[in-house]
PDB file of N, CA and C in Angstrom:
ATOM      1  N   MET A   1      17.947 -13.180  -2.982  1.00  0.00           N
ATOM      2  CA  MET A   1      17.342 -12.153  -2.543  1.00  0.00           C
ATOM      3  C   MET A   1      16.042 -12.033  -2.796  1.00  0.00           C
ATOM      4  N   VAL A   2      15.175 -11.893  -1.964  1.00  0.00           N
ATOM      5  CA  VAL A   2      13.833 -11.454  -2.074  1.00  0.00           C
ATOM      6  C   VAL A   2      13.234 -10.171  -3.077  1.00  0.00           C
ATOM      7  N   SER A   3      12.299 -10.687  -3.891  1.00  0.00           N
ATOM      8  CA  SER A   3      12.295  -9.358  -4.587  1.00  0.00           C
ATOM      9  C   SER A   3      10.706  -8.838  -3.737  1.00  0.00           C
ATOM     10  N   LEU A   4      10.840  -7.427  -4.398  1.00  0.00           N
ATOM     11  CA  LEU A   4       9.908  -6.304  -3.795  1.00  0.00           C
ATOM     12  C   LEU A   4       8.434  -7.079  -3.856  1.00  0.00           C
ATOM     13  N   ARG A   5       8.382  -7.514  -5.175  1.00  0.00           N
ATOM     14  CA  ARG A   5       6.770  -8.298  -5.515  1.00  0.00           C
ATOM     15  C   ARG A   5       6.601  -9.327  -4.145  1.00  0.00           C
ATOM     16  N   THR A   6       7.416 -10.011  -3.866  1.00  0.00           N
ATOM     17  CA  THR A   6       7.319 -11.135  -3.103  1.00  0.00           C
ATOM     18  C   THR A   6       6.655 -10.503  -1.421  1.00  0.00           C
ATOM     19  N   VAL A   7       7.835  -9.432  -1.378  1.00  0.00           N
ATOM     20  CA  VAL A   7       7.506  -8.838  -0.087  1.00  0.00           C
ATOM     21  C   VAL A   7       6.027  -8.213   0.252  1.00  0.00           C
ATOM     22  N   ASN A   8       5.737  -7.720  -0.930  1.00  0.00           N
ATOM     23  CA  ASN A   8       4.412  -6.721  -0.906  1.00  0.00           C
ATOM     24  C   ASN A   8       3.366  -8.268  -0.633  1.00  0.00           C
ATOM     25  N   VAL A   9       3.320  -9.242  -1.572  1.00  0.00           N
ATOM     26  CA  VAL A   9       2.624 -10.167  -1.127  1.00  0.00           C
ATOM     27  C   VAL A   9       2.707 -10.500   0.478  1.00  0.00           C
ATOM     28  N   PHE A  10       3.195 -10.666   0.891  1.00  0.00           N
ATOM     29  CA  PHE A  10       3.312 -11.061   2.507  1.00  0.00           C
ATOM     30  C   PHE A  10       2.954  -9.821   3.503  1.00  0.00           C
ATOM     31  N   LEU A  11       3.171  -8.634   2.855  1.00  0.00           N
ATOM     32  CA  LEU A  11       2.781  -7.607   3.585  1.00  0.00           C
ATOM     33  C   LEU A  11       1.093  -7.632   3.255  1.00  0.00           C
ATOM     34  N   VAL A  12       0.545  -7.891   2.139  1.00  0.00           N
ATOM     35  CA  VAL A  12      -1.027  -7.581   1.644  1.00  0.00           C
ATOM     36  C   VAL A  12      -1.545  -9.094   2.910  1.00  0.00           C
ATOM     37  N   LEU A  13      -0.826 -10.231   2.688  1.00  0.00           N
ATOM     38  CA  LEU A  13      -1.431 -11.222   3.882  1.00  0.00           C
ATOM     39  C   LEU A  13      -1.152 -11.039   5.058  1.00  0.00           C
ATOM     40  N   ALA A  14      -0.079 -10.108   5.688  1.00  0.00           N
ATOM     41  CA  ALA A  14      -0.362  -9.564   6.997  1.00  0.00           C
ATOM     42  C   ALA A  14      -1.661  -8.532   7.135  1.00  0.00           C
ATOM     43  N   PHE A  15      -1.755  -8.031   6.098  1.00  0.00           N
ATOM     44  CA  PHE A  15      -2.783  -6.853   6.286  1.00  0.00           C
ATOM     45  C   PHE A  15      -4.153  -7.431   6.345  1.00  0.00           C
ATOM     46  N   GLY A  16      -4.132  -8.597   5.427  1.00  0.00           N
ATOM     47  CA  GLY A  16      -5.417  -9.453   5.908  1.00  0.00           C
ATOM     48  C   GLY A  16      -5.549 -10.279   7.179  1.00  0.00           C
ATOM     49  N   LEU A  17      -4.552 -11.085   7.787  1.00  0.00           N
ATOM     50  CA  LEU A  17      -4.870 -11.445   8.864  1.00  0.00           C
ATOM     51  C   LEU A  17      -4.806 -10.341  10.010  1.00  0.00           C
ATOM     52  N   ALA A  18      -4.399  -9.075   9.917  1.00  0.00           N
ATOM     53  CA  ALA A  18      -4.534  -8.497  11.019  1.00  0.00           C
ATOM     54  C   ALA A  18      -5.594  -7.796  11.090  1.00  0.00           C
ATOM     55  N   PHE A  19      -6.510  -7.471  10.203  1.00  0.00           N
ATOM     56  CA  PHE A  19      -7.766  -6.967   9.833  1.00  0.00           C
ATOM     57  C   PHE A  19      -8.789  -8.010  10.475  1.00  0.00           C
ATOM     58  N   ALA A  20      -8.456  -9.518   9.865  1.00  0.00           N
ATOM     59  CA  ALA A  20      -9.568 -10.443  10.181  1.00  0.00           C
ATOM     60  C   ALA A  20      -9.370 -10.314  11.682  1.00  0.00           C
ATOM     61  N   LEU A  21      -8.309 -10.119  12.243  1.00  0.00           N
ATOM     62  CA  LEU A  21      -8.108 -10.435  13.747  1.00  0.00           C
ATOM     63  C   LEU A  21      -8.677  -9.091  14.642  1.00  0.00           C
ATOM     64  N   GLY A  22      -8.939  -8.099  14.136  1.00  0.00           N
ATOM     65  CA  GLY A  22      -9.127  -7.182  14.492  1.00  0.00           C
ATOM     66  C   GLY A  22      -8.022  -6.085  15.197  1.00  0.00           C
ATOM     67  N   HIS A  23      -7.076  -6.039  14.876  1.00  0.00           N
ATOM     68  CA  HIS A  23      -5.684  -5.411  14.827  1.00  0.00           C
ATOM     69  C   HIS A  23      -5.507  -4.312  13.918  1.00  0.00           C
ATOM     70  N   LEU A  24      -6.782  -3.174  14.152  1.00  0.00           N
ATOM     71  CA  LEU A  24      -6.614  -2.196  13.213  1.00  0.00           C
ATOM     72  C   LEU A  24      -5.388  -1.447  12.842  1.00  0.00           C
ATOM     73  N   HIS A  25      -4.953  -0.854  13.858  1.00  0.00           N
ATOM     74  CA  HIS A  25      -3.528  -0.280  13.805  1.00  0.00           C
ATOM     75  C   HIS A  25      -2.571  -1.444  13.181  1.00  0.00           C
ATOM     76  N   VAL A  26      -2.579  -2.261  13.580  1.00  0.00           N
ATOM     77  CA  VAL A  26      -1.136  -3.010  12.799  1.00  0.00           C
ATOM     78  C   VAL A  26      -1.682  -2.947  11.000  1.00  0.00           C
ATOM     79  N   ALA A  27      -2.973  -3.508  10.698  1.00  0.00           N
ATOM     80  CA  ALA A  27      -3.611  -3.417   9.536  1.00  0.00           C
ATOM     81  C   ALA A  27      -3.314  -2.489   8.656  1.00  0.00           C
ATOM     82  N   THR A  28      -3.338  -1.109   9.585  1.00  0.00           N
ATOM     83  CA  THR A  28      -3.586   0.044   8.703  1.00  0.00           C
ATOM     84  C   THR A  28      -2.075  -0.123   8.371  1.00  0.00           C
ATOM     85  N   GLN A  29      -0.963  -0.147   9.178  1.00  0.00           N
ATOM     86  CA  GLN A  29       0.725   0.123   9.245  1.00  0.00           C
ATOM     87  C   GLN A  29       1.268  -1.185   8.241  1.00  0.00           C
ATOM     88  N   ALA A  30       0.366  -2.245   7.905  1.00  0.00           N
ATOM     89  CA  ALA A  30       0.679  -3.180   6.869  1.00  0.00           C
ATOM     90  C   ALA A  30       0.295  -2.443   5.587  1.00  0.00           C
ATOM     91  N   LEU A  31      -0.530  -1.644   5.465  1.00  0.00           N
ATOM     92  CA  LEU A  31      -0.880  -1.153   4.529  1.00  0.00           C
ATOM     93  C   LEU A  31      -0.361  -0.019   3.923  1.00  0.00           C
ATOM     94  N   GLY A  32       0.310   0.749   4.483  1.00  0.00           N
ATOM     95  CA  GLY A  32       1.048   1.970   4.375  1.00  0.00           C
ATOM     96  C   GLY A  32       2.474   1.102   3.766  1.00  0.00           C
ATOM     97  N   LEU A  33       2.893  -0.213   4.423  1.00  0.00           N
ATOM     98  CA  LEU A  33       4.383  -0.950   3.960  1.00  0.00           C
ATOM     99  C   LEU A  33       3.971  -1.235   2.777  1.00  0.00           C
ATOM    100  N   SER A  34       2.854  -1.488   2.480  1.00  0.00           N
ATOM    101  CA  SER A  34       2.687  -2.384   1.035  1.00  0.00           C
ATOM    102  C   SER A  34       2.676  -1.398  -0.027  1.00  0.00           C
ATOM    103  N   VAL A  35       1.830  -0.001   0.204  1.00  0.00           N
ATOM    104  CA  VAL A  35       2.063   0.850  -0.467  1.00  0.00           C
ATOM    105  C   VAL A  35       3.149   1.684  -0.535  1.00  0.00           C
ATOM    106  N   LEU A  36       4.027   1.554   0.398  1.00  0.00           N
ATOM    107  CA  LEU A  36       5.722   2.080   0.019  1.00  0.00           C
ATOM    108  C   LEU A  36       6.324   1.317  -0.832  1.00  0.00           C
ATOM    109  N   VAL A  37       6.020  -0.478  -0.449  1.00  0.00           N
ATOM    110  CA  VAL A  37       6.829  -1.128  -1.258  1.00  0.00           C
ATOM    111  C   VAL A  37       6.536  -1.338  -2.935  1.00  0.00           C
ATOM    112  N   CYS A  38       4.996  -0.937  -2.977  1.00  0.00           N
ATOM    113  CA  CYS A  38       4.601  -1.157  -4.472  1.00  0.00           C
ATOM    114  C   CYS A  38       5.496   0.526  -5.252  1.00  0.00           C
ATOM    115  N   GLY A  39       5.449   1.621  -4.288  1.00  0.00           N
ATOM    116  CA  GLY A  39       5.884   2.708  -5.005  1.00  0.00           C
ATOM    117  C   GLY A  39       7.559   2.453  -5.375  1.00  0.00           C
ATOM    118  N   ALA A  40       8.300   1.637  -4.318  1.00  0.00           N
ATOM    119  CA  ALA A  40       9.500   1.694  -4.443  1.00  0.00           C
ATOM    120  C   ALA A  40       9.933   0.399  -5.886  1.00  0.00           C
ATOM    121  N   GLU A  41       8.618  -0.378  -6.087  1.00  0.00           N
ATOM    122  CA  GLU A  41       8.783  -1.276  -6.949  1.00  0.00           C
ATOM    123  C   GLU A  41       8.750  -0.408  -8.664  1.00  0.00           C
ATOM    124  N   TRP A  42       7.909   0.400  -8.355  1.00  0.00           N
ATOM    125  CA  TRP A  42       7.397   1.225  -9.507  1.00  0.00           C
ATOM    126  C   TRP A  42       8.817   2.120 -10.145  1.00  0.00           C
ATOM    127  N   MET A  43       9.400   2.775  -8.828  1.00  0.00           N
ATOM    128  CA  MET A  43      10.588   3.349  -9.221  1.00  0.00           C
ATOM    129  C   MET A  43      11.683   2.628  -9.689  1.00  0.00           C
ATOM    130  N   ARG A  44      11.896   1.823  -9.091  1.00  0.00           N
ATOM    131  CA  ARG A  44      13.045   0.843  -9.748  1.00  0.00           C
ATOM    132  C   ARG A  44      13.020   0.125 -10.841  1.00  0.00           C
ATOM    133  N   ARG A  45      11.721  -0.204 -11.180  1.00  0.00           N
ATOM    134  CA  ARG A  45      11.539  -0.829 -13.022  1.00  0.00           C
ATOM    135  C   ARG A  45      11.620   0.457 -13.858  1.00  0.00           C
ATOM    136  N   ARG A  46      11.116   1.352 -13.150  1.00  0.00           N
ATOM    137  CA  ARG A  46      10.649   2.926 -14.138  1.00  0.00           C
ATOM    138  C   ARG A  46       9.720   2.279 -14.811  1.00  0.00           C
ATOM    139  N   SER A  47       8.773   1.635 -14.513  1.00  0.00           N
ATOM    140  CA  SER A  47       7.515   1.245 -15.373  1.00  0.00           C
ATOM    141  C   SER A  47       6.244   1.002 -14.404  1.00  0.00           C
ATOM    142  N   MET A  48       5.024   1.372 -14.470  1.00  0.00           N
ATOM    143  CA  MET A  48       3.957   1.016 -13.789  1.00  0.00           C
ATOM    144  C   MET A  48       2.918   0.269 -14.761  1.00  0.00           C
ATOM    145  N   PRO A  49       1.796  -0.583 -13.891  1.00  0.00           N
ATOM    146  CA  PRO A  49       0.738  -0.967 -15.039  1.00  0.00           C
ATOM    147  C   PRO A  49      -0.158   0.356 -15.086  1.00  0.00           C
ATOM    148  N   VAL A  50      -0.868   1.003 -16.153  1.00  0.00           N
ATOM    149  CA  VAL A  50      -1.843   1.557 -15.960  1.00  0.00           C
ATOM    150  C   VAL A  50      -3.462   1.022 -15.860  1.00  0.00           C
ATOM    151  N   VAL A  51      -3.649   0.481 -17.088  1.00  0.00           N
ATOM    152  CA  VAL A  51      -5.075   0.261 -17.043  1.00  0.00           C
ATOM    153  C   VAL A  51      -4.718  -1.580 -17.142  1.00  0.00           C
ATOM    154  N   ALA A  52      -5.900  -1.827 -16.156  1.00  0.00           N
ATOM    155  CA  ALA A  52      -6.156  -3.502 -15.895  1.00  0.00           C
ATOM    156  C   ALA A  52      -7.265  -3.632 -15.179  1.00  0.00           C
ATOM    157  N   ALA A  53      -7.600  -4.718 -16.095  1.00  0.00           N
ATOM    158  CA  ALA A  53      -9.100  -5.384 -15.507  1.00  0.00           C
ATOM    159  C   ALA A  53      -8.697  -6.216 -14.486  1.00  0.00           C
ATOM    160  N   GLU A  54      -9.670  -6.719 -13.388  1.00  0.00           N
ATOM    161  CA  GLU A  54      -8.961  -7.870 -12.684  1.00  0.00           C
ATOM    162  C   GLU A  54      -8.839  -9.277 -13.332  1.00  0.00           C
ATOM    163  N   GLY A  55      -7.681  -9.773 -12.921  1.00  0.00           N
ATOM    164  CA  GLY A  55      -6.902 -11.121 -13.426  1.00  0.00           C
ATOM    165  C   GLY A  55      -6.385 -11.123 -14.465  1.00  0.00           C
ATOM    166  N   ARG A  56      -6.504  -9.904 -15.482  1.00  0.00           N
ATOM    167  CA  ARG A  56      -5.873  -9.744 -16.766  1.00  0.00           C
ATOM    168  C   ARG A  56      -4.764  -8.869 -16.722  1.00  0.00           C
ATOM    169  N   TYR A  57      -3.664  -9.189 -17.561  1.00  0.00           N
ATOM    170  CA  TYR A  57      -2.225  -8.013 -17.329  1.00  0.00           C
ATOM    171  C   TYR A  57      -2.821  -6.704 -17.990  1.00  0.00           C
ATOM    172  N   PRO A  58      -1.952  -6.014 -17.628  1.00  0.00           N
ATOM    173  CA  PRO A  58      -2.226  -4.278 -18.066  1.00  0.00           C
ATOM    174  C   PRO A  58      -2.402  -4.422 -19.252  1.00  0.00           C
ATOM    175  N   PHE A  59      -3.169  -2.940 -19.616  1.00  0.00           N
ATOM    176  CA  PHE A  59      -3.116  -3.019 -21.149  1.00  0.00           C
ATOM    177  C   PHE A  59      -2.342  -2.060 -21.901  1.00  0.00           C
ATOM    178  N   THR A  60      -1.825  -1.361 -20.690  1.00  0.00           N
ATOM    179  CA  THR A  60      -0.308  -0.572 -21.159  1.00  0.00           C
ATOM    180  C   THR A  60       0.411  -0.489 -20.018  1.00  0.00           C
ATOM    181  N   HIS A  61       1.326   0.433 -20.140  1.00  0.00           N
ATOM    182  CA  HIS A  61       2.550   0.878 -19.023  1.00  0.00           C
ATOM    183  C   HIS A  61       2.810   2.263 -19.170  1.00  0.00           C
ATOM    184  N   ALA A  62       2.910   2.930 -17.514  1.00  0.00           N
ATOM    185  CA  ALA A  62       3.610   4.163 -18.094  1.00  0.00           C
ATOM    186  C   ALA A  62       5.175   3.890 -17.735  1.00  0.00           C
ATOM    187  N   SER A  63       5.954   4.494 -18.634  1.00  0.00           N
ATOM    188  CA  SER A  63       7.153   4.181 -17.888  1.00  0.00           C
ATOM    189  C   SER A  63       8.122   5.662 -18.072  1.00  0.00           C
ATOM    190  N   GLY A  64       9.138   5.529 -17.498  1.00  0.00           N
ATOM    191  CA  GLY A  64       9.996   6.953 -17.382  1.00  0.00           C
ATOM    192  C   GLY A  64       9.554   7.918 -16.197  1.00  0.00           C
ATOM    193  N   ALA A  65       9.893   8.772 -16.540  1.00  0.00           N
ATOM    194  CA  ALA A  65       9.203  10.107 -15.461  1.00  0.00           C
ATOM    195  C   ALA A  65       8.076   9.854 -15.115  1.00  0.00           C
ATOM    196  N   TRP A  66       6.917   9.147 -15.766  1.00  0.00           N
ATOM    197  CA  TRP A  66       5.964   9.386 -15.395  1.00  0.00           C
ATOM    198  C   TRP A  66       5.479   8.219 -14.218  1.00  0.00           C
ATOM    199  N   ALA A  67       7.077   7.006 -14.223  1.00  0.00           N
ATOM    200  CA  ALA A  67       6.572   6.183 -13.289  1.00  0.00           C
ATOM    201  C   ALA A  67       7.316   6.529 -11.792  1.00  0.00           C
ATOM    202  N   ILE A  68       8.486   7.499 -12.291  1.00  0.00           N
ATOM    203  CA  ILE A  68       9.162   8.076 -11.048  1.00  0.00           C
ATOM    204  C   ILE A  68       8.440   9.193 -10.608  1.00  0.00           C
ATOM    205  N   VAL A  69       7.418   9.350 -10.924  1.00  0.00           N
ATOM    206  CA  VAL A  69       6.622  10.720 -10.399  1.00  0.00           C
ATOM    207  C   VAL A  69       5.494   9.920  -9.124  1.00  0.00           C
ATOM    208  N   SER A  70       4.974   8.586 -10.172  1.00  0.00           N
ATOM    209  CA  SER A  70       3.953   8.143  -9.639  1.00  0.00           C
ATOM    210  C   SER A  70       4.250   7.034  -8.281  1.00  0.00           C
ATOM    211  N   GLY A  71       5.678   6.769  -9.010  1.00  0.00           N
ATOM    212  CA  GLY A  71       5.997   6.005  -7.566  1.00  0.00           C
ATOM    213  C   GLY A  71       6.178   6.916  -6.275  1.00  0.00           C
ATOM    214  N   SER A  72       6.788   8.129  -6.385  1.00  0.00           N
ATOM    215  CA  SER A  72       7.148   9.171  -5.424  1.00  0.00           C
ATOM    216  C   SER A  72       5.719   9.295  -4.889  1.00  0.00           C
ATOM    217  N   GLY A  73       4.721   9.170  -5.444  1.00  0.00           N
ATOM    218  CA  GLY A  73       3.684   9.895  -4.729  1.00  0.00           C
ATOM    219  C   GLY A  73       2.750   8.748  -3.832  1.00  0.00           C
ATOM    220  N   LEU A  74       3.572   7.422  -4.467  1.00  0.00           N
ATOM    221  CA  LEU A  74       2.868   6.530  -3.434  1.00  0.00           C
ATOM    222  C   LEU A  74       3.999   6.237  -2.250  1.00  0.00           C
ATOM    223  N   LEU A  75       5.231   6.698  -2.337  1.00  0.00           N
ATOM    224  CA  LEU A  75       5.889   6.759  -1.181  1.00  0.00           C
ATOM    225  C   LEU A  75       5.365   7.619  -0.127  1.00  0.00           C
ATOM    226  N   VAL A  76       5.226   8.705  -0.643  1.00  0.00           N
ATOM    227  CA  VAL A  76       4.562   9.572   0.405  1.00  0.00           C
ATOM    228  C   VAL A  76       2.914   9.247   0.831  1.00  0.00           C
ATOM    229  N   LEU A  77       2.347   8.561   0.062  1.00  0.00           N
ATOM    230  CA  LEU A  77       1.125   8.311   0.551  1.00  0.00           C
ATOM    231  C   LEU A  77       1.453   6.934   1.600  1.00  0.00           C
ATOM    232  N   GLY A  78       2.417   6.293   1.397  1.00  0.00           N
ATOM    233  CA  GLY A  78       2.490   5.103   2.089  1.00  0.00           C
ATOM    234  C   GLY A  78       3.060   5.470   3.248  1.00  0.00           C
ATOM    235  N   LEU A  79       3.983   6.136   3.479  1.00  0.00           N
ATOM    236  CA  LEU A  79       4.774   6.939   4.624  1.00  0.00           C
ATOM    237  C   LEU A  79       3.566   7.784   5.288  1.00  0.00           C
ATOM    238  N   SER A  80       2.930   8.281   4.731  1.00  0.00           N
ATOM    239  CA  SER A  80       1.657   9.055   5.691  1.00  0.00           C
ATOM    240  C   SER A  80       0.955   7.964   6.258  1.00  0.00           C
ATOM    241  N   VAL A  81       0.506   7.140   5.705  1.00  0.00           N
ATOM    242  CA  VAL A  81      -0.596   5.685   6.309  1.00  0.00           C
ATOM    243  C   VAL A  81       0.182   5.418   7.124  1.00  0.00           C
ATOM    244  N   LEU A  82       1.913   5.033   7.128  1.00  0.00           N
ATOM    245  CA  LEU A  82       2.561   4.385   8.306  1.00  0.00           C
ATOM    246  C   LEU A  82       2.620   4.958   9.170  1.00  0.00           C
ATOM    247  N   VAL A  83       2.987   6.500   9.309  1.00  0.00           N
ATOM    248  CA  VAL A  83       3.202   7.507  10.195  1.00  0.00           C
ATOM    249  C   VAL A  83       1.838   7.449  11.232  1.00  0.00           C
ATOM    250  N   PHE A  84       0.922   7.882  10.054  1.00  0.00           N
ATOM    251  CA  PHE A  84      -0.680   8.272  10.729  1.00  0.00           C
ATOM    252  C   PHE A  84      -1.502   7.291  10.588  1.00  0.00           C
ATOM    253  N   SER A  85      -1.219   6.138  11.399  1.00  0.00           N
ATOM    254  CA  SER A  85      -2.230   4.890  10.802  1.00  0.00           C
ATOM    255  C   SER A  85      -3.271   4.969  11.582  1.00  0.00           C
ATOM    256  N   GLU A  86      -3.257   5.653  13.041  1.00  0.00           N
ATOM    257  CA  GLU A  86      -4.562   5.814  13.790  1.00  0.00           C
ATOM    258  C   GLU A  86      -5.573   6.219  13.369  1.00  0.00           C
ATOM    259  N   PRO A  87      -5.146   7.806  12.531  1.00  0.00           N
ATOM    260  CA  PRO A  87      -6.116   8.297  12.562  1.00  0.00           C
ATOM    261  C   PRO A  87      -6.622   7.692  10.605  1.00  0.00           C
ATOM    262  N   THR A  88      -5.855   7.191  10.256  1.00  0.00           N
ATOM    263  CA  THR A  88      -6.012   6.830   8.935  1.00  0.00           C
ATOM    264  C   THR A  88      -7.024   5.906   8.945  1.00  0.00           C
ATOM    265  N   ALA A  89      -6.979   5.176   9.794  1.00  0.00           N
ATOM    266  CA  ALA A  89      -8.312   3.803  10.123  1.00  0.00           C
ATOM    267  C   ALA A  89      -9.825   4.360  10.815  1.00  0.00           C
ATOM    268  N   CYS A  90      -8.986   5.188  11.468  1.00  0.00           N
ATOM    269  CA  CYS A  90     -10.468   6.377  12.045  1.00  0.00           C
ATOM    270  C   CYS A  90     -11.164   6.818  10.577  1.00  0.00           C
ATOM    271  N   MET A  91     -10.260   7.358   9.762  1.00  0.00           N
ATOM    272  CA  MET A  91     -10.849   7.992   8.603  1.00  0.00           C
ATOM    273  C   MET A  91     -11.338   6.660   7.462  1.00  0.00           C
ATOM    274  N   LEU A  92     -10.820   5.878   7.657  1.00  0.00           N
ATOM    275  CA  LEU A  92     -11.063   4.463   6.589  1.00  0.00           C
ATOM    276  C   LEU A  92     -12.758   3.767   7.533  1.00  0.00           C
ATOM    277  N   GLY A  93     -13.002   4.215   8.306  1.00  0.00           N
ATOM    278  CA  GLY A  93     -14.014   3.293   9.007  1.00  0.00           C
ATOM    279  C   GLY A  93     -13.750   2.217   9.700  1.00  0.00           C
ATOM    280  N   TRP A  94     -12.266   2.044   9.841  1.00  0.00           N
ATOM    281  CA  TRP A  94     -12.041   0.567  10.445  1.00  0.00           C
ATOM    282  C   TRP A  94     -11.906   0.656  12.202  1.00  0.00           C
ATOM    283  N   ASP A  95     -12.339   2.011  12.390  1.00  0.00           N
ATOM    284  CA  ASP A  95     -12.112   1.580  14.009  1.00  0.00           C
ATOM    285  C   ASP A  95     -13.077   0.963  14.749  1.00  0.00           C
ATOM    286  N   ASN A  96     -12.844   0.771  16.124  1.00  0.00           N
ATOM    287  CA  ASN A  96     -13.736   0.140  17.005  1.00  0.00           C
ATOM    288  C   ASN A  96     -14.421   1.266  17.970  1.00  0.00           C
ATOM    289  N   GLY A  97     -13.609   2.355  17.853  1.00  0.00           N
ATOM    290  CA  GLY A  97     -14.491   3.127  18.636  1.00  0.00           C
ATOM    291  C   GLY A  97     -13.422   3.810  19.935  1.00  0.00           C
ATOM    292  N   ALA A  98     -12.278   2.708  19.810  1.00  0.00           N
ATOM    293  CA  ALA A  98     -11.346   3.111  20.830  1.00  0.00           C
ATOM    294  C   ALA A  98     -10.122   4.166  20.114  1.00  0.00           C
ATOM    295  N   LEU A  99     -10.275   3.704  18.244  1.00  0.00           N
ATOM    296  CA  LEU A  99      -9.027   4.614  17.873  1.00  0.00           C
ATOM    297  C   LEU A  99      -9.461   6.192  17.353  1.00  0.00           C
ATOM    298  N   CYS A 100     -10.512   6.410  17.323  1.00  0.00           N
ATOM    299  CA  CYS A 100     -11.169   7.814  17.409  1.00  0.00           C
ATOM    300  C   CYS A 100     -11.527   8.794  18.469  1.00  0.00           C
ATOM    301  N   GLY A 101     -10.882   8.093  19.662  1.00  0.00           N
ATOM    302  CA  GLY A 101     -11.408   8.950  20.585  1.00  0.00           C
ATOM    303  C   GLY A 101     -12.904   8.856  21.077  1.00  0.00           C
ATOM    304  N   ARG A 102     -13.877   7.870  20.785  1.00  0.00           N
ATOM    305  CA  ARG A 102     -15.129   8.049  21.101  1.00  0.00           C
ATOM    306  C   ARG A 102     -15.417   7.128  22.380  1.00  0.00           C
TER     307      ARG A 102
END
């Protein structure tokens, strides 16, 4: 069985490839899916990293109810980005003019 972390790595790679190729709608959807997977992982493990510098292990972890609430928030955010991918790409400034109706 494939872990959620492995799925997230592939989604981040898909995001980078789609963004580099200029498929901004697809890149935004991959970003939304990645956020959904991260929220699901936090809820499944009931733990989330709190403070971490780049390339280092987290300073501490939040667990229990805080991880569930934060994971639920990420699920809502990821679903919103996934459903409203075109307006999200426009708001983030990733548009090429066609997505924002210009």
